[in-house]
């Protein structure tokens, strides 16, 4: 009897201690789009009818629950703050009246400006 109670407590503790499964985080990377470069943003949504918004702009996403969007780099620059390091990606499900937003990291230096240095001096400490 004590063994049954003990094993029941272990199973109950394992169920309670299991963390909730979080939605996968969207990711972004630079890809080639013919003659120009684009930013490929990929993510997941609960419903294939959910609307994808990037930096408060609705975009046409390809795919079902696993979606992707290709944006020209010029568009990303126009929609973002200078030197931004992240994009705001929101998945809006109108049927469930739910919205999930997250900050997606941009590739390093994507929105930086090119600087030409005449010289660089490094002093040892």
N, C-alpha and C. Protein backbone atom coordinates (compact mmCIF):
# COMPACT_ATOMS: atom_id res chain seq x y z
N UNK A 1 0.82 -1.19 0.00
CA UNK A 1 0.00 0.00 0.00
C UNK A 1 0.87 1.26 0.00
N UNK A 2 1.92 1.25 0.84
CA UNK A 2 2.80 2.41 0.91
C UNK A 2 3.55 2.60 -0.40
N UNK A 3 3.87 1.50 -1.08
CA UNK A 3 4.58 1.60 -2.36
C UNK A 3 3.69 2.24 -3.41
N UNK A 4 2.40 1.88 -3.41
CA UNK A 4 1.46 2.48 -4.37
C UNK A 4 1.33 3.98 -4.15
N UNK A 5 1.22 4.38 -2.91
CA UNK A 5 1.10 5.81 -2.59
C UNK A 5 2.37 6.54 -3.00
N UNK A 6 3.52 5.95 -2.67
CA UNK A 6 4.80 6.57 -3.01
C UNK A 6 4.96 6.71 -4.52
N UNK A 7 4.65 5.64 -5.29
CA UNK A 7 4.79 5.72 -6.75
C UNK A 7 3.78 6.70 -7.33
N UNK A 8 2.60 6.80 -6.75
CA UNK A 8 1.61 7.79 -7.20
C UNK A 8 2.09 9.21 -6.98
N UNK A 9 2.74 9.43 -5.84
CA UNK A 9 3.29 10.77 -5.55
C UNK A 9 4.41 11.13 -6.53
N UNK A 10 5.24 10.16 -6.88
CA UNK A 10 6.33 10.42 -7.83
C UNK A 10 5.76 10.80 -9.20
N UNK A 11 4.74 10.08 -9.67
CA UNK A 11 4.11 10.40 -10.96
C UNK A 11 3.47 11.77 -10.91
N UNK A 12 2.77 12.10 -9.84
CA UNK A 12 2.13 13.41 -9.70
C UNK A 12 3.17 14.52 -9.67
N UNK A 13 4.28 14.30 -8.98
CA UNK A 13 5.34 15.30 -8.92
C UNK A 13 5.97 15.51 -10.29
N UNK A 14 6.12 14.44 -11.06
CA UNK A 14 6.70 14.57 -12.40
C UNK A 14 5.79 15.35 -13.32
N UNK A 15 4.48 15.15 -13.20
CA UNK A 15 3.54 15.90 -14.03
C UNK A 15 3.55 17.37 -13.67
N UNK A 16 3.56 17.69 -12.40
CA UNK A 16 3.57 19.08 -11.95
C UNK A 16 4.88 19.77 -12.32
N UNK A 17 5.99 19.06 -12.25
CA UNK A 17 7.30 19.66 -12.49
C UNK A 17 7.61 19.83 -13.97
N UNK A 18 6.83 19.23 -14.86
CA UNK A 18 7.09 19.35 -16.28
C UNK A 18 6.69 20.74 -16.74
N UNK A 19 7.61 21.51 -17.33
CA UNK A 19 7.26 22.86 -17.76
C UNK A 19 6.35 22.82 -18.98
N UNK A 20 5.56 23.89 -19.13
CA UNK A 20 4.68 24.00 -20.29
C UNK A 20 5.53 24.17 -21.55
N UNK A 21 5.07 23.61 -22.62
CA UNK A 21 5.80 23.71 -23.89
C UNK A 21 5.53 25.08 -24.49
N UNK A 22 6.56 25.85 -24.69
CA UNK A 22 6.43 27.19 -25.26
C UNK A 22 6.42 27.10 -26.78
N UNK A 23 5.80 28.09 -27.39
CA UNK A 23 5.78 28.15 -28.85
C UNK A 23 7.20 28.41 -29.35
N UNK A 24 7.58 27.78 -30.45
CA UNK A 24 8.92 28.01 -30.98
C UNK A 24 9.13 29.48 -31.34
N UNK A 25 10.32 29.94 -31.16
CA UNK A 25 10.66 31.32 -31.44
C UNK A 25 10.91 31.49 -32.93
N UNK A 26 10.43 32.60 -33.49
CA UNK A 26 10.69 32.89 -34.90
C UNK A 26 12.17 33.23 -35.07
N UNK A 27 12.68 33.01 -36.27
CA UNK A 27 14.09 33.27 -36.58
C UNK A 27 14.19 34.04 -37.87
N UNK A 28 15.29 34.80 -38.03
CA UNK A 28 15.51 35.58 -39.24
C UNK A 28 16.94 35.38 -39.73
N UNK A 29 17.09 35.34 -41.06
CA UNK A 29 18.43 35.26 -41.65
C UNK A 29 18.38 35.89 -43.03
N UNK A 30 19.54 36.31 -43.52
CA UNK A 30 19.65 36.93 -44.84
C UNK A 30 19.76 35.84 -45.90
N UNK A 31 18.97 35.99 -46.97
CA UNK A 31 18.99 35.06 -48.09
C UNK A 31 19.04 35.86 -49.39
N UNK A 32 19.37 35.18 -50.46
CA UNK A 32 19.44 35.82 -51.77
C UNK A 32 18.06 35.76 -52.42
N UNK A 33 17.60 36.90 -52.93
CA UNK A 33 16.32 36.98 -53.63
C UNK A 33 16.58 37.50 -55.04
N UNK A 34 17.23 36.72 -55.85
CA UNK A 34 17.54 37.17 -57.21
C UNK A 34 18.69 38.15 -57.19
N UNK A 35 18.42 39.38 -57.62
CA UNK A 35 19.47 40.40 -57.72
C UNK A 35 19.72 41.14 -56.41
N UNK A 36 18.93 40.88 -55.38
CA UNK A 36 19.10 41.60 -54.11
C UNK A 36 19.03 40.63 -52.95
N UNK A 37 19.37 41.12 -51.78
CA UNK A 37 19.29 40.31 -50.57
C UNK A 37 17.96 40.56 -49.87
N UNK A 38 17.46 39.53 -49.22
CA UNK A 38 16.21 39.61 -48.46
C UNK A 38 16.43 39.05 -47.07
N UNK A 39 15.52 39.39 -46.19
CA UNK A 39 15.50 38.81 -44.86
C UNK A 39 14.41 37.75 -44.85
N UNK A 40 14.78 36.52 -44.54
CA UNK A 40 13.83 35.42 -44.43
C UNK A 40 13.47 35.26 -42.96
N UNK A 41 12.19 35.44 -42.66
CA UNK A 41 11.70 35.29 -41.29
C UNK A 41 10.81 34.06 -41.27
N UNK A 42 11.09 33.14 -40.35
CA UNK A 42 10.32 31.90 -40.22
C UNK A 42 9.79 31.78 -38.81
N UNK A 43 8.61 31.15 -38.71
CA UNK A 43 8.04 30.93 -37.39
C UNK A 43 6.91 29.93 -37.43
N UNK A 44 6.20 29.83 -36.32
CA UNK A 44 5.09 28.90 -36.18
C UNK A 44 3.87 29.65 -35.68
N UNK A 45 2.70 29.16 -36.07
CA UNK A 45 1.44 29.73 -35.61
C UNK A 45 0.46 28.60 -35.34
N UNK A 46 -0.48 28.84 -34.44
CA UNK A 46 -1.43 27.81 -34.06
C UNK A 46 -2.42 27.51 -35.19
N UNK A 47 -2.77 28.53 -35.95
CA UNK A 47 -3.74 28.38 -37.03
C UNK A 47 -3.13 28.89 -38.33
N UNK A 48 -3.35 28.19 -39.44
CA UNK A 48 -2.81 28.69 -40.71
C UNK A 48 -3.50 29.98 -41.17
N UNK A 49 -4.58 30.35 -40.51
CA UNK A 49 -5.30 31.58 -40.86
C UNK A 49 -4.85 32.78 -40.04
N UNK A 50 -3.94 32.57 -39.11
CA UNK A 50 -3.44 33.67 -38.28
C UNK A 50 -2.66 34.66 -39.15
N UNK A 51 -2.75 35.92 -38.79
CA UNK A 51 -2.10 37.00 -39.53
C UNK A 51 -0.72 37.25 -38.93
N UNK A 52 0.27 37.44 -39.80
CA UNK A 52 1.64 37.74 -39.35
C UNK A 52 1.87 39.23 -39.53
N UNK A 53 2.35 39.87 -38.47
CA UNK A 53 2.69 41.30 -38.51
C UNK A 53 4.16 41.45 -38.14
N UNK A 54 4.89 42.17 -38.97
CA UNK A 54 6.30 42.45 -38.70
C UNK A 54 6.45 43.95 -38.56
N UNK A 55 6.93 44.38 -37.41
CA UNK A 55 7.06 45.80 -37.08
C UNK A 55 5.77 46.55 -37.40
N UNK A 56 4.64 45.98 -36.96
CA UNK A 56 3.29 46.55 -37.12
C UNK A 56 2.82 46.64 -38.57
N UNK A 57 3.38 45.86 -39.47
CA UNK A 57 2.94 45.78 -40.87
C UNK A 57 2.48 44.36 -41.14
N UNK A 58 1.24 44.21 -41.60
CA UNK A 58 0.74 42.88 -41.97
C UNK A 58 1.49 42.42 -43.23
N UNK A 59 1.94 41.18 -43.22
CA UNK A 59 2.70 40.63 -44.35
C UNK A 59 2.03 39.34 -44.82
N UNK A 60 2.21 39.03 -46.09
CA UNK A 60 1.68 37.79 -46.65
C UNK A 60 2.68 36.68 -46.36
N UNK A 61 2.27 35.75 -45.53
CA UNK A 61 3.15 34.64 -45.15
C UNK A 61 2.84 33.42 -46.01
N UNK A 62 3.89 32.70 -46.37
CA UNK A 62 3.74 31.45 -47.10
C UNK A 62 3.75 30.31 -46.09
N UNK A 63 2.98 29.27 -46.38
CA UNK A 63 2.97 28.11 -45.51
C UNK A 63 1.75 28.07 -44.63
N UNK A 64 1.62 27.01 -43.90
CA UNK A 64 0.50 26.82 -42.99
C UNK A 64 0.88 27.20 -41.58
N UNK A 65 0.94 26.20 -40.72
CA UNK A 65 1.33 26.48 -39.33
C UNK A 65 2.79 26.85 -39.22
N UNK A 66 3.62 26.30 -40.08
CA UNK A 66 5.01 26.76 -40.19
C UNK A 66 5.04 27.74 -41.34
N UNK A 67 5.31 29.00 -41.05
CA UNK A 67 5.22 30.05 -42.06
C UNK A 67 6.59 30.66 -42.32
N UNK A 68 6.67 31.38 -43.45
CA UNK A 68 7.88 32.15 -43.75
C UNK A 68 7.50 33.37 -44.57
N UNK A 69 8.31 34.42 -44.41
CA UNK A 69 8.13 35.68 -45.12
C UNK A 69 9.49 36.13 -45.62
N UNK A 70 9.56 36.57 -46.87
CA UNK A 70 10.78 37.17 -47.41
C UNK A 70 10.54 38.67 -47.59
N UNK A 71 11.40 39.46 -46.96
CA UNK A 71 11.31 40.92 -47.06
C UNK A 71 12.60 41.47 -47.62
N UNK A 72 12.52 42.35 -48.62
CA UNK A 72 13.74 43.01 -49.09
C UNK A 72 14.40 43.78 -47.94
N UNK A 73 15.71 43.82 -47.94
CA UNK A 73 16.44 44.52 -46.88
C UNK A 73 16.03 45.99 -46.81
N UNK A 74 15.77 46.61 -47.97
CA UNK A 74 15.33 48.01 -47.98
C UNK A 74 14.01 48.18 -47.23
N UNK A 75 13.12 47.23 -47.36
CA UNK A 75 11.85 47.28 -46.63
C UNK A 75 12.08 47.14 -45.14
N UNK A 76 12.97 46.23 -44.75
CA UNK A 76 13.29 46.06 -43.33
C UNK A 76 13.87 47.35 -42.77
N UNK A 77 14.75 48.00 -43.53
CA UNK A 77 15.33 49.28 -43.08
C UNK A 77 14.25 50.35 -42.93
N UNK A 78 13.31 50.40 -43.87
CA UNK A 78 12.24 51.41 -43.82
C UNK A 78 11.31 51.17 -42.63
N UNK A 79 11.09 49.93 -42.25
CA UNK A 79 10.17 49.59 -41.17
C UNK A 79 10.83 49.58 -39.80
N UNK A 80 12.15 49.71 -39.73
CA UNK A 80 12.88 49.57 -38.46
C UNK A 80 13.53 50.87 -38.05
N UNK A 81 13.83 50.96 -36.77
CA UNK A 81 14.59 52.09 -36.24
C UNK A 81 16.04 51.94 -36.68
N UNK A 82 16.77 53.05 -36.82
CA UNK A 82 18.20 52.93 -37.17
C UNK A 82 18.95 52.09 -36.14
N UNK A 83 19.83 51.24 -36.62
CA UNK A 83 20.66 50.38 -35.78
C UNK A 83 19.85 49.38 -34.95
N UNK A 84 18.64 49.07 -35.38
CA UNK A 84 17.81 48.11 -34.65
C UNK A 84 18.50 46.74 -34.64
N UNK A 85 18.29 46.01 -33.58
CA UNK A 85 18.87 44.67 -33.45
C UNK A 85 17.80 43.58 -33.48
N UNK A 86 16.53 44.00 -33.41
CA UNK A 86 15.43 43.04 -33.42
C UNK A 86 14.28 43.54 -34.29
N UNK A 87 13.44 42.60 -34.68
CA UNK A 87 12.16 42.89 -35.33
C UNK A 87 11.06 42.49 -34.37
N UNK A 88 9.95 43.20 -34.42
CA UNK A 88 8.78 42.79 -33.66
C UNK A 88 7.93 41.92 -34.57
N UNK A 89 7.74 40.67 -34.19
CA UNK A 89 6.93 39.74 -34.97
C UNK A 89 5.73 39.35 -34.11
N UNK A 90 4.54 39.60 -34.66
CA UNK A 90 3.30 39.27 -33.95
C UNK A 90 2.50 38.29 -34.79
N UNK A 91 1.94 37.29 -34.13
CA UNK A 91 1.03 36.34 -34.76
C UNK A 91 -0.34 36.61 -34.17
N UNK A 92 -1.26 37.08 -35.03
CA UNK A 92 -2.58 37.48 -34.60
C UNK A 92 -3.59 36.47 -35.13
N UNK A 93 -4.30 35.82 -34.22
CA UNK A 93 -5.33 34.85 -34.60
C UNK A 93 -6.70 35.48 -34.34
N UNK A 94 -7.36 35.98 -35.40
CA UNK A 94 -8.64 36.66 -35.19
C UNK A 94 -9.76 35.74 -34.72
N UNK A 95 -9.72 34.46 -35.07
CA UNK A 95 -10.78 33.54 -34.65
C UNK A 95 -10.70 33.25 -33.16
N UNK A 96 -9.50 33.21 -32.61
CA UNK A 96 -9.34 32.95 -31.18
C UNK A 96 -9.16 34.24 -30.37
N UNK A 97 -9.17 35.39 -31.06
CA UNK A 97 -8.96 36.69 -30.42
C UNK A 97 -7.69 36.66 -29.57
N UNK A 98 -6.61 36.15 -30.17
CA UNK A 98 -5.34 36.03 -29.45
C UNK A 98 -4.21 36.62 -30.29
N UNK A 99 -3.22 37.16 -29.59
CA UNK A 99 -2.03 37.69 -30.26
C UNK A 99 -0.81 37.29 -29.45
N UNK A 100 0.22 36.83 -30.17
CA UNK A 100 1.49 36.49 -29.54
C UNK A 100 2.56 37.31 -30.23
N UNK A 101 3.29 38.11 -29.48
CA UNK A 101 4.34 38.96 -30.04
C UNK A 101 5.69 38.56 -29.45
N UNK A 102 6.72 38.70 -30.27
CA UNK A 102 8.07 38.40 -29.80
C UNK A 102 9.07 39.26 -30.55
N UNK A 103 10.22 39.45 -29.94
CA UNK A 103 11.32 40.18 -30.58
C UNK A 103 12.24 39.15 -31.23
N UNK A 104 12.44 39.29 -32.53
CA UNK A 104 13.27 38.36 -33.29
C UNK A 104 14.59 39.05 -33.58
N UNK A 105 15.69 38.40 -33.22
CA UNK A 105 17.02 38.97 -33.42
C UNK A 105 17.36 39.05 -34.89
N UNK A 106 17.90 40.18 -35.29
CA UNK A 106 18.38 40.38 -36.66
C UNK A 106 19.83 39.90 -36.76
N UNK A 107 20.25 39.50 -37.95
CA UNK A 107 21.68 39.18 -38.11
C UNK A 107 22.54 40.38 -37.72
N UNK A 108 23.67 40.12 -37.13
CA UNK A 108 24.55 41.18 -36.62
C UNK A 108 24.94 42.14 -37.73
N UNK A 109 24.77 43.43 -37.46
CA UNK A 109 25.19 44.46 -38.40
C UNK A 109 24.27 44.69 -39.58
N UNK A 110 23.10 44.04 -39.61
CA UNK A 110 22.22 44.16 -40.77
C UNK A 110 21.78 45.59 -41.02
N UNK A 111 21.41 46.32 -39.99
CA UNK A 111 20.92 47.68 -40.15
C UNK A 111 21.94 48.74 -39.78
N UNK A 112 23.19 48.36 -39.67
CA UNK A 112 24.23 49.35 -39.38
C UNK A 112 24.59 50.08 -40.66
N UNK A 113 25.27 51.19 -40.49
CA UNK A 113 25.71 51.96 -41.64
C UNK A 113 27.17 51.65 -41.91
N UNK A 114 27.53 51.64 -43.16
CA UNK A 114 28.93 51.40 -43.52
C UNK A 114 29.75 52.65 -43.24
N UNK A 115 30.83 52.49 -42.54
CA UNK A 115 31.74 53.59 -42.25
C UNK A 115 33.09 53.29 -42.87
N UNK A 116 33.65 54.29 -43.52
CA UNK A 116 34.99 54.14 -44.06
C UNK A 116 35.96 54.83 -43.11
N UNK A 117 36.87 54.06 -42.59
CA UNK A 117 37.85 54.60 -41.66
C UNK A 117 39.13 54.93 -42.41
N UNK A 118 39.65 56.13 -42.16
CA UNK A 118 40.92 56.51 -42.76
C UNK A 118 42.06 55.77 -42.07
N UNK A 119 41.91 55.61 -40.76
CA UNK A 119 42.91 54.85 -40.01
C UNK A 119 42.28 54.41 -38.70
N UNK A 120 42.89 53.41 -38.13
CA UNK A 120 42.45 52.88 -36.85
C UNK A 120 43.69 52.72 -35.99
N UNK A 121 43.70 53.36 -34.83
CA UNK A 121 44.84 53.31 -33.93
C UNK A 121 44.43 52.50 -32.70
N UNK A 122 45.23 51.49 -32.37
CA UNK A 122 44.98 50.65 -31.22
C UNK A 122 46.14 50.84 -30.26
N UNK A 123 45.82 51.22 -29.03
CA UNK A 123 46.86 51.41 -28.01
C UNK A 123 46.80 50.25 -27.03
N UNK A 124 47.95 49.60 -26.77
CA UNK A 124 47.95 48.52 -25.77
C UNK A 124 47.82 49.12 -24.38
N UNK A 125 47.21 48.40 -23.50
CA UNK A 125 47.03 48.89 -22.13
C UNK A 125 48.23 48.66 -21.29
